[in-house]
Protein backbone atom coordinates (compact mmCIF):
# COMPACT_ATOMS: atom_id res chain seq x y z
CA MET A 1 0.00 0.00 0.00
CA ARG A 2 2.91 2.37 0.70
CA TRP A 3 4.11 1.89 -2.88
CA PHE A 4 0.73 3.02 -4.23
CA VAL A 5 0.68 6.10 -1.99
CA ARG A 6 4.21 7.00 -3.11
CA ALA A 7 3.18 6.54 -6.75
CA VAL A 8 0.19 8.87 -6.27
CA VAL A 9 2.38 11.49 -4.57
CA TYR A 10 4.97 11.32 -7.36
CA ALA A 11 2.20 11.55 -9.97
CA LEU A 12 0.80 14.64 -8.27
CA LEU A 13 4.25 16.23 -8.13
CA LEU A 14 4.82 15.47 -11.83
CA THR A 15 1.48 16.92 -12.96
CA TRP A 16 2.77 20.48 -13.38
CA PRO A 17 5.97 19.53 -15.28
CA ALA A 18 3.83 17.27 -17.53
CA HIS A 19 1.52 20.19 -18.21
CA LEU A 20 4.50 22.39 -19.10
CA ILE A 21 6.04 19.91 -21.54
CA SER A 22 2.72 18.98 -23.20
CA PRO A 23 2.92 21.39 -26.17
CA ALA A 24 6.54 20.47 -26.97
CA TYR A 25 5.85 16.75 -26.52
CA GLN A 26 2.81 16.92 -28.79
CA GLY A 27 4.92 18.68 -31.41
CA LEU A 28 7.56 15.97 -31.14
CA LEU A 29 4.93 13.25 -31.57
CA VAL A 30 3.43 14.97 -34.62
CA ARG A 31 6.84 15.39 -36.28
CA LEU A 32 7.96 11.85 -35.42
CA THR A 33 4.69 10.31 -36.61
CA GLY A 34 4.94 12.31 -39.82
CA TRP A 35 8.48 11.11 -40.35
CA LEU A 36 7.51 7.49 -39.69
CA SER A 37 4.54 7.68 -42.05
CA GLY A 38 6.48 9.51 -44.74
CA THR A 39 3.83 12.21 -44.71
CA PRO A 40 4.82 15.65 -43.46
CA LEU A 41 2.37 16.54 -40.70
CA ALA A 42 1.87 19.97 -39.24
CA GLU A 43 0.24 20.89 -35.99
CA SER A 44 -2.92 22.87 -36.28
CA PRO A 45 -2.28 26.32 -34.77
CA ASN A 46 -5.74 26.38 -33.14
CA ALA A 47 -5.81 22.77 -31.94
CA ALA A 48 -5.97 22.05 -28.25
CA VAL A 49 -2.98 20.34 -26.68
CA ASP A 50 -3.53 16.69 -25.82
CA LEU A 51 -2.58 16.61 -22.15
CA SER A 52 -3.13 12.86 -21.89
CA ALA A 53 0.03 12.15 -23.90
CA ALA A 54 2.27 13.87 -21.34
CA ASN A 55 0.16 12.53 -18.47
CA LEU A 56 0.94 8.99 -19.64
CA LEU A 57 4.64 9.76 -19.30
CA SER A 58 4.23 11.32 -15.87
CA VAL A 59 2.24 8.34 -14.54
CA PHE A 60 4.89 5.95 -15.85
CA VAL A 61 7.71 7.97 -14.28
CA ALA A 62 5.75 8.12 -11.00
CA LEU A 63 5.34 4.33 -10.98
CA CYS A 64 9.07 3.89 -11.55
CA LEU A 65 10.13 6.43 -8.92
CA ALA A 66 7.83 4.82 -6.35
CA SER A 67 9.35 1.37 -6.94
CA GLY A 68 11.48 1.31 -3.81
CA PHE A 69 12.04 -2.44 -4.11
CA VAL A 70 14.73 -1.82 -6.77
CA SER A 71 17.78 0.44 -6.77
CA TRP A 72 17.69 4.00 -8.05
CA SER A 73 19.91 3.07 -10.99
CA ARG A 74 17.40 0.37 -12.03
CA ARG A 75 14.56 2.88 -11.72
CA PHE A 76 16.33 5.44 -13.91
CA LYS A 77 17.19 2.81 -16.52
CA ALA A 78 13.55 1.71 -16.54
CA ILE A 79 12.43 5.31 -16.96
CA ALA A 80 14.76 5.82 -19.95
CA LEU A 81 13.68 2.58 -21.66
CA GLY A 82 10.03 3.08 -20.82
CA LEU A 83 9.90 6.63 -22.14
CA VAL A 84 11.29 5.49 -25.49
CA PHE A 85 8.76 2.65 -25.59
CA LEU A 86 5.84 4.95 -24.70
CA VAL A 87 6.83 7.46 -27.40
CA LEU A 88 6.80 4.58 -29.90
CA VAL A 89 3.37 3.46 -28.64
CA GLU A 90 2.08 7.01 -29.09
CA CYS A 91 3.43 7.10 -32.65
CA ALA A 92 1.96 3.70 -33.44
CA THR A 93 -1.48 4.71 -32.16
CA GLY A 94 -1.16 7.93 -34.15
CA LEU A 95 -0.38 5.99 -37.32
CA PHE A 96 -3.28 3.59 -36.76
CA GLY A 97 -5.53 6.55 -35.94
CA MET A 98 -4.55 8.20 -39.22
CA ARG A 99 -5.39 5.01 -41.14
CA LEU A 100 -8.69 4.74 -39.30
CA ALA A 101 -9.56 8.37 -40.09
CA LEU A 102 -8.66 7.85 -43.74
CA ALA A 103 -10.84 4.76 -43.93
CA SER A 104 -13.69 6.66 -42.29
CA ALA A 105 -13.32 9.60 -44.67
CA THR A 106 -13.50 7.37 -47.73
CA SER A 107 -16.54 5.39 -46.60
CA PRO A 108 -20.00 6.90 -47.11
CA GLY A 109 -22.23 7.70 -44.17
CA SER A 110 -21.46 7.88 -40.50
CA PRO A 111 -18.72 5.76 -38.91
CA SER A 112 -19.71 2.18 -38.15
CA ALA A 113 -19.87 0.71 -34.68
CA TRP A 114 -16.63 -1.15 -35.44
CA HIS A 115 -14.94 2.11 -36.33
CA ARG A 116 -15.94 3.66 -33.00
CA ILE A 117 -14.80 0.54 -31.14
CA PHE A 118 -11.38 0.68 -32.85
CA GLU A 119 -11.04 4.36 -31.92
CA GLN A 120 -11.69 3.52 -28.27
CA LEU A 121 -9.29 0.57 -28.38
CA LEU A 122 -6.56 2.88 -29.69
CA GLU A 123 -7.05 5.23 -26.77
CA LEU A 124 -7.18 2.32 -24.32
CA SER A 125 -3.98 0.80 -25.70
CA ARG A 126 -2.08 3.99 -24.88
CA TRP A 127 -3.18 3.81 -21.25
CA LEU A 128 -2.62 0.07 -20.93
CA ALA A 129 0.93 0.49 -22.21
CA VAL A 130 1.91 2.36 -19.01
CA PRO A 131 1.30 -0.39 -16.41
CA LEU A 132 2.40 -3.10 -18.83
CA CYS A 133 5.69 -1.33 -19.53
CA TRP A 134 6.25 -0.74 -15.79
CA GLY A 135 5.40 -4.37 -15.08
CA VAL A 136 7.89 -5.70 -17.61
CA LEU A 137 10.68 -3.33 -16.56
CA LEU A 138 10.24 -3.24 -12.76
CA GLY A 139 7.01 -4.84 -11.57
CA ARG A 140 8.28 -8.35 -12.18
CA GLU A 141 10.90 -7.68 -9.49
CA VAL A 142 8.12 -7.78 -6.92
CA GLY A 143 7.40 -11.38 -7.91
CA HIS A 144 11.10 -12.29 -7.73
CA ARG A 145 11.38 -10.71 -4.30
CA ASP A 146 8.23 -12.50 -3.11
CA ALA A 147 9.55 -15.85 -4.33
CA ALA A 148 12.96 -15.27 -2.72
CA GLY A 149 11.31 -14.31 0.56
CA SER A 150 9.13 -17.41 0.65
CA ARG A 151 12.09 -19.67 -0.20
CA ALA A 152 14.00 -18.15 2.70
CA GLY A 153 11.14 -19.03 5.04
CA ARG A 154 9.95 -15.51 5.80
CA SER A 155 7.13 -13.43 4.52
CA VAL A 156 7.76 -10.46 2.28
CA THR A 157 6.40 -8.07 4.89
CA GLU A 158 8.60 -9.53 7.62
CA PRO A 159 11.80 -7.50 7.90
CA ARG A 160 15.16 -9.16 7.44
CA ARG A 161 16.95 -9.84 10.65
CA ALA A 162 20.46 -8.60 11.09
CA ALA A 163 23.10 -11.26 11.56
CA SER A 164 23.96 -11.63 15.23
């Protein structure tokens, strides 16, 4: 439970920096997605900034920082790898979203139910990437620690005893 509270506190502390980087991060995603698709994309000057993109990063960083069961160097390595992965996930969802919008624009009538479902799945995949990435990079260490603690005959919550 302490881990979760620390993660919430870190997430709250990272909210303002995430808000500040949101316009620059959105610009980076637009340029990178354009480069990957081979289509030059430009940001709309009147478009609202998508705060959820930067919020995804801040939640991931908060989860990593709160992971006191691993060393700080492991946490920082996980943050670096995870941020690269999450940027790629954002670009991939952007590319799929562009394909979906193109398919919708070329089909007559209103978007089908399947189209709306795929749009929601794209948004969901971005948010699911955060805990999955954390779990692969750091969360699995909890399971290793639990297994090591049970093999040593003590519970995970029981503190280690100093050698006498």
